[in-house]
C-alpha cells in the first residue's frame, strides 16, 4: 500500500486543520471538516462500496483527479484506469454540472 491520492474531494476555500467524527453507528461513521463558513462531510462504513459526501448548499464542490482518464457525463465524473488500475464514479445531485480547470473539477 502506498500513500498516493489519485482523487482528492472537498470544497473550495475550506481550511480545516483536522477532521472530527460528527456521527457514528455500528456500521457507519461521518467525518466533518469545517471552519467558520464552510463545512464538508464524508460518511463511510463497513462493506460500503462508496463514500457519501455532503456540503453546504452555497459551497463549491472540488474534485482533483491526479491519475486516470476522466469522462464528464453531466452530473457524473467517471475516472478509469486510475491508481493501480482502479475505476471510480463521482455523482453530483440531479441538474448539476462539472467545470474543469486543469486537473480540478468543480460543481
N, C-alpha and C. Protein backbone atom coordinates (compact mmCIF):
# COMPACT_ATOMS: atom_id res chain seq x y z
N UNK A 1 0.85 -1.17 0.00
CA UNK A 1 0.00 0.00 0.00
C UNK A 1 0.90 1.24 0.00
N UNK A 2 0.54 2.21 -0.83
CA UNK A 2 1.34 3.43 -0.87
C UNK A 2 0.52 4.61 -0.38
N UNK A 3 1.10 5.78 -0.42
CA UNK A 3 0.49 6.97 0.14
C UNK A 3 0.01 7.93 -0.95
N UNK A 4 -0.25 7.44 -2.16
CA UNK A 4 -0.66 8.28 -3.28
C UNK A 4 -2.17 8.49 -3.25
N UNK A 5 -2.63 9.71 -3.51
CA UNK A 5 -4.06 10.03 -3.54
C UNK A 5 -4.46 10.38 -4.98
N UNK A 6 -5.04 9.43 -5.72
CA UNK A 6 -5.41 9.72 -7.10
C UNK A 6 -6.59 10.68 -7.22
N UNK A 7 -7.41 10.78 -6.17
CA UNK A 7 -8.58 11.67 -6.17
C UNK A 7 -8.64 12.38 -4.83
N UNK A 8 -8.82 13.70 -4.87
CA UNK A 8 -9.00 14.49 -3.66
C UNK A 8 -10.34 15.21 -3.77
N UNK A 9 -11.21 14.99 -2.79
CA UNK A 9 -12.55 15.57 -2.81
C UNK A 9 -12.68 16.55 -1.65
N UNK A 10 -13.33 17.69 -1.90
CA UNK A 10 -13.53 18.68 -0.85
C UNK A 10 -14.38 19.83 -1.35
N UNK A 11 -14.26 20.97 -0.69
CA UNK A 11 -14.93 22.19 -1.13
C UNK A 11 -13.90 23.30 -1.24
N UNK A 12 -14.14 24.23 -2.14
CA UNK A 12 -13.24 25.36 -2.38
C UNK A 12 -13.14 26.21 -1.11
N UNK A 13 -11.93 26.64 -0.78
CA UNK A 13 -11.64 27.56 0.32
C UNK A 13 -11.97 27.03 1.71
N UNK A 14 -12.03 25.73 1.88
CA UNK A 14 -12.21 25.18 3.22
C UNK A 14 -10.84 24.94 3.83
N UNK A 15 -10.54 25.65 4.90
CA UNK A 15 -9.26 25.49 5.59
C UNK A 15 -9.56 24.91 6.98
N UNK A 16 -9.54 23.60 7.07
CA UNK A 16 -9.78 22.92 8.34
C UNK A 16 -8.51 22.19 8.75
N UNK A 17 -8.10 22.34 9.98
CA UNK A 17 -6.85 21.73 10.44
C UNK A 17 -7.01 20.27 10.82
N UNK A 18 -8.26 19.82 11.02
CA UNK A 18 -8.48 18.43 11.40
C UNK A 18 -9.91 18.02 11.06
N UNK A 19 -10.12 16.73 11.03
CA UNK A 19 -11.46 16.18 10.86
C UNK A 19 -11.96 15.73 12.22
N UNK A 20 -13.26 15.85 12.42
CA UNK A 20 -13.87 15.33 13.64
C UNK A 20 -14.95 14.33 13.25
N UNK A 21 -15.25 13.42 14.16
CA UNK A 21 -16.34 12.48 13.94
C UNK A 21 -17.62 13.17 14.38
N UNK A 22 -18.55 13.37 13.44
CA UNK A 22 -19.78 14.08 13.76
C UNK A 22 -20.97 13.14 13.98
N UNK A 23 -20.84 11.87 13.56
CA UNK A 23 -21.91 10.90 13.76
C UNK A 23 -21.32 9.51 13.59
N UNK A 24 -21.94 8.52 14.23
CA UNK A 24 -21.49 7.14 14.05
C UNK A 24 -22.60 6.18 14.46
N UNK A 25 -22.50 4.97 13.96
CA UNK A 25 -23.40 3.88 14.32
C UNK A 25 -22.57 2.61 14.39
N UNK A 26 -23.23 1.47 14.47
CA UNK A 26 -22.49 0.21 14.49
C UNK A 26 -21.75 -0.05 13.19
N UNK A 27 -22.24 0.53 12.07
CA UNK A 27 -21.68 0.20 10.76
C UNK A 27 -21.11 1.39 9.99
N UNK A 28 -21.47 2.61 10.35
CA UNK A 28 -21.01 3.78 9.60
C UNK A 28 -20.47 4.85 10.55
N UNK A 29 -19.71 5.78 9.96
CA UNK A 29 -19.33 6.98 10.70
C UNK A 29 -19.21 8.13 9.72
N UNK A 30 -19.39 9.34 10.23
CA UNK A 30 -19.30 10.55 9.43
C UNK A 30 -18.20 11.43 9.98
N UNK A 31 -17.29 11.81 9.08
CA UNK A 31 -16.22 12.75 9.42
C UNK A 31 -16.65 14.13 8.94
N UNK A 32 -16.26 15.16 9.68
CA UNK A 32 -16.60 16.53 9.31
C UNK A 32 -15.34 17.39 9.32
N UNK A 33 -15.20 18.21 8.29
CA UNK A 33 -14.18 19.25 8.22
C UNK A 33 -14.95 20.55 8.15
N UNK A 34 -14.61 21.54 8.98
CA UNK A 34 -15.35 22.80 8.93
C UNK A 34 -14.50 23.95 9.45
N UNK A 35 -14.91 25.14 9.04
CA UNK A 35 -14.38 26.37 9.61
C UNK A 35 -15.58 27.29 9.85
N UNK A 36 -15.38 28.58 9.97
CA UNK A 36 -16.48 29.49 10.30
C UNK A 36 -17.61 29.49 9.28
N UNK A 37 -17.31 29.31 8.00
CA UNK A 37 -18.34 29.45 6.97
C UNK A 37 -18.53 28.22 6.09
N UNK A 38 -17.63 27.27 6.13
CA UNK A 38 -17.67 26.13 5.23
C UNK A 38 -17.74 24.83 6.03
N UNK A 39 -18.39 23.83 5.43
CA UNK A 39 -18.49 22.53 6.08
C UNK A 39 -18.52 21.44 5.02
N UNK A 40 -17.88 20.32 5.33
CA UNK A 40 -17.80 19.20 4.40
C UNK A 40 -17.85 17.92 5.21
N UNK A 41 -18.68 16.96 4.78
CA UNK A 41 -18.85 15.70 5.49
C UNK A 41 -18.59 14.52 4.57
N UNK A 42 -18.07 13.45 5.15
CA UNK A 42 -17.87 12.20 4.42
C UNK A 42 -18.40 11.08 5.31
N UNK A 43 -19.37 10.32 4.78
CA UNK A 43 -19.93 9.18 5.51
C UNK A 43 -19.49 7.90 4.83
N UNK A 44 -18.91 6.98 5.60
CA UNK A 44 -18.47 5.71 5.06
C UNK A 44 -18.70 4.63 6.11
N UNK A 45 -18.64 3.38 5.65
CA UNK A 45 -18.91 2.32 6.61
C UNK A 45 -18.46 0.96 6.14
N UNK A 46 -18.69 0.00 6.99
CA UNK A 46 -18.29 -1.38 6.74
C UNK A 46 -19.00 -1.90 5.50
N UNK A 47 -18.24 -2.44 4.56
CA UNK A 47 -18.72 -3.07 3.32
C UNK A 47 -19.45 -2.12 2.39
N UNK A 48 -19.37 -0.80 2.60
CA UNK A 48 -19.99 0.15 1.68
C UNK A 48 -19.05 0.37 0.50
N UNK A 49 -19.54 0.21 -0.73
CA UNK A 49 -18.67 0.40 -1.89
C UNK A 49 -18.54 1.87 -2.31
N UNK A 50 -19.00 2.78 -1.46
CA UNK A 50 -18.97 4.19 -1.81
C UNK A 50 -18.77 5.03 -0.55
N UNK A 51 -18.44 6.31 -0.76
CA UNK A 51 -18.40 7.31 0.31
C UNK A 51 -19.42 8.37 -0.07
N UNK A 52 -20.25 8.76 0.88
CA UNK A 52 -21.29 9.76 0.64
C UNK A 52 -20.81 11.10 1.19
N UNK A 53 -20.64 12.10 0.30
CA UNK A 53 -20.16 13.41 0.68
C UNK A 53 -21.32 14.40 0.71
N UNK A 54 -21.31 15.32 1.68
CA UNK A 54 -22.26 16.43 1.71
C UNK A 54 -21.49 17.71 2.01
N UNK A 55 -22.10 18.83 1.59
CA UNK A 55 -21.50 20.14 1.80
C UNK A 55 -22.61 21.14 2.02
N UNK A 56 -22.27 22.36 2.42
CA UNK A 56 -23.26 23.43 2.48
C UNK A 56 -23.74 23.74 1.07
N UNK A 57 -24.99 24.14 0.94
CA UNK A 57 -25.56 24.39 -0.38
C UNK A 57 -24.80 25.45 -1.16
N UNK A 58 -24.26 26.44 -0.48
CA UNK A 58 -23.57 27.53 -1.18
C UNK A 58 -22.09 27.24 -1.46
N UNK A 59 -21.55 26.18 -0.87
CA UNK A 59 -20.15 25.82 -1.11
C UNK A 59 -19.98 25.17 -2.47
N UNK A 60 -18.78 25.29 -3.03
CA UNK A 60 -18.47 24.72 -4.34
C UNK A 60 -17.66 23.44 -4.15
N UNK A 61 -18.20 22.33 -4.64
CA UNK A 61 -17.50 21.05 -4.56
C UNK A 61 -16.28 21.08 -5.46
N UNK A 62 -15.21 20.43 -5.00
CA UNK A 62 -13.97 20.37 -5.76
C UNK A 62 -13.47 18.93 -5.78
N UNK A 63 -13.14 18.45 -6.98
CA UNK A 63 -12.57 17.11 -7.15
C UNK A 63 -11.29 17.26 -7.96
N UNK A 64 -10.17 16.88 -7.37
CA UNK A 64 -8.89 16.93 -8.07
C UNK A 64 -8.53 15.51 -8.48
N UNK A 65 -8.35 15.29 -9.78
CA UNK A 65 -8.02 13.98 -10.33
C UNK A 65 -6.53 13.98 -10.68
N UNK A 66 -5.74 13.23 -9.93
CA UNK A 66 -4.29 13.19 -10.14
C UNK A 66 -3.84 12.09 -11.08
N UNK A 67 -4.73 11.09 -11.30
CA UNK A 67 -4.34 9.97 -12.16
C UNK A 67 -5.58 9.31 -12.72
N UNK A 68 -5.55 8.98 -14.00
CA UNK A 68 -6.66 8.30 -14.65
C UNK A 68 -7.24 9.12 -15.79
N UNK A 69 -8.12 8.50 -16.53
CA UNK A 69 -8.81 9.15 -17.65
C UNK A 69 -10.20 9.53 -17.20
N UNK A 70 -10.55 10.82 -17.34
CA UNK A 70 -11.83 11.33 -16.84
C UNK A 70 -12.80 11.55 -17.98
N UNK A 71 -14.02 11.08 -17.80
CA UNK A 71 -15.13 11.38 -18.70
C UNK A 71 -16.18 12.12 -17.91
N UNK A 72 -16.59 13.28 -18.43
CA UNK A 72 -17.60 14.10 -17.77
C UNK A 72 -18.95 13.80 -18.42
N UNK A 73 -19.82 13.13 -17.67
CA UNK A 73 -21.15 12.77 -18.17
C UNK A 73 -22.22 13.58 -17.44
N UNK A 74 -22.20 14.90 -17.60
CA UNK A 74 -23.20 15.75 -16.94
C UNK A 74 -23.00 15.79 -15.44
N UNK A 75 -23.84 15.08 -14.70
CA UNK A 75 -23.77 15.06 -13.24
C UNK A 75 -22.72 14.08 -12.71
N UNK A 76 -22.16 13.26 -13.58
CA UNK A 76 -21.27 12.20 -13.14
C UNK A 76 -19.88 12.33 -13.79
N UNK A 77 -18.85 12.16 -12.95
CA UNK A 77 -17.49 12.04 -13.44
C UNK A 77 -17.11 10.57 -13.37
N UNK A 78 -16.59 10.02 -14.46
CA UNK A 78 -16.12 8.64 -14.48
C UNK A 78 -14.61 8.69 -14.65
N UNK A 79 -13.90 8.08 -13.71
CA UNK A 79 -12.44 8.04 -13.75
C UNK A 79 -12.03 6.59 -13.98
N UNK A 80 -11.40 6.34 -15.11
CA UNK A 80 -10.97 4.98 -15.45
C UNK A 80 -9.45 4.88 -15.41
N UNK A 81 -8.99 3.68 -15.10
CA UNK A 81 -7.56 3.38 -15.08
C UNK A 81 -6.79 4.35 -14.19
N UNK A 82 -7.31 4.57 -13.00
CA UNK A 82 -6.63 5.42 -12.03
C UNK A 82 -5.53 4.62 -11.34
N UNK A 83 -5.19 4.97 -10.15
CA UNK A 83 -4.07 4.34 -9.44
C UNK A 83 -4.25 2.83 -9.34
N UNK A 84 -3.25 2.09 -9.77
CA UNK A 84 -3.27 0.62 -9.78
C UNK A 84 -4.45 0.06 -10.58
N UNK A 85 -4.91 0.82 -11.59
CA UNK A 85 -5.97 0.35 -12.48
C UNK A 85 -7.38 0.51 -11.94
N UNK A 86 -7.54 1.19 -10.83
CA UNK A 86 -8.88 1.35 -10.23
C UNK A 86 -9.75 2.30 -11.06
N UNK A 87 -11.06 2.06 -11.02
CA UNK A 87 -12.06 2.92 -11.66
C UNK A 87 -12.95 3.53 -10.57
N UNK A 88 -13.40 4.76 -10.81
CA UNK A 88 -14.24 5.48 -9.84
C UNK A 88 -15.36 6.20 -10.58
N UNK A 89 -16.44 6.49 -9.85
CA UNK A 89 -17.51 7.35 -10.34
C UNK A 89 -17.84 8.35 -9.25
N UNK A 90 -18.02 9.60 -9.62
CA UNK A 90 -18.39 10.65 -8.67
C UNK A 90 -19.69 11.26 -9.18
N UNK A 91 -20.72 11.19 -8.34
CA UNK A 91 -22.05 11.67 -8.70
C UNK A 91 -22.36 12.97 -7.98
N UNK A 92 -22.89 13.93 -8.72
CA UNK A 92 -23.40 15.17 -8.14
C UNK A 92 -24.93 15.10 -8.19
N UNK A 93 -25.62 15.97 -7.46
CA UNK A 93 -27.09 15.95 -7.49
C UNK A 93 -27.64 16.20 -8.90
N UNK A 94 -28.85 15.75 -9.13
CA UNK A 94 -29.52 15.93 -10.43
C UNK A 94 -29.51 17.40 -10.83
N UNK A 95 -29.17 17.65 -12.09
CA UNK A 95 -29.12 19.01 -12.61
C UNK A 95 -27.79 19.70 -12.44
N UNK A 96 -26.85 19.07 -11.74
CA UNK A 96 -25.52 19.67 -11.53
C UNK A 96 -24.67 19.54 -12.79
N UNK A 97 -23.66 20.38 -12.87
CA UNK A 97 -22.67 20.28 -13.95
C UNK A 97 -21.29 20.37 -13.33
N UNK A 98 -20.30 19.85 -14.03
CA UNK A 98 -18.91 19.91 -13.59
C UNK A 98 -18.14 20.82 -14.54
N UNK A 99 -17.37 21.75 -13.98
CA UNK A 99 -16.48 22.61 -14.74
C UNK A 99 -15.05 22.14 -14.51
N UNK A 100 -14.24 22.16 -15.58
CA UNK A 100 -12.87 21.67 -15.50
C UNK A 100 -11.88 22.82 -15.62
N UNK A 101 -10.86 22.81 -14.75
CA UNK A 101 -9.73 23.72 -14.84
C UNK A 101 -8.49 22.92 -14.47
N UNK A 102 -7.69 22.55 -15.45
CA UNK A 102 -6.53 21.68 -15.20
C UNK A 102 -7.00 20.32 -14.75
N UNK A 103 -6.53 19.86 -13.60
CA UNK A 103 -6.94 18.56 -13.04
C UNK A 103 -8.09 18.69 -12.06
N UNK A 104 -8.65 19.90 -11.91
CA UNK A 104 -9.69 20.16 -10.92
C UNK A 104 -11.05 20.31 -11.58
N UNK A 105 -12.03 19.60 -11.03
CA UNK A 105 -13.42 19.70 -11.45
C UNK A 105 -14.21 20.31 -10.31
N UNK A 106 -15.05 21.32 -10.62
CA UNK A 106 -15.86 21.96 -9.60
C UNK A 106 -17.32 21.91 -10.00
N UNK A 107 -18.18 21.91 -8.98
CA UNK A 107 -19.62 21.88 -9.23
C UNK A 107 -20.31 22.65 -8.12
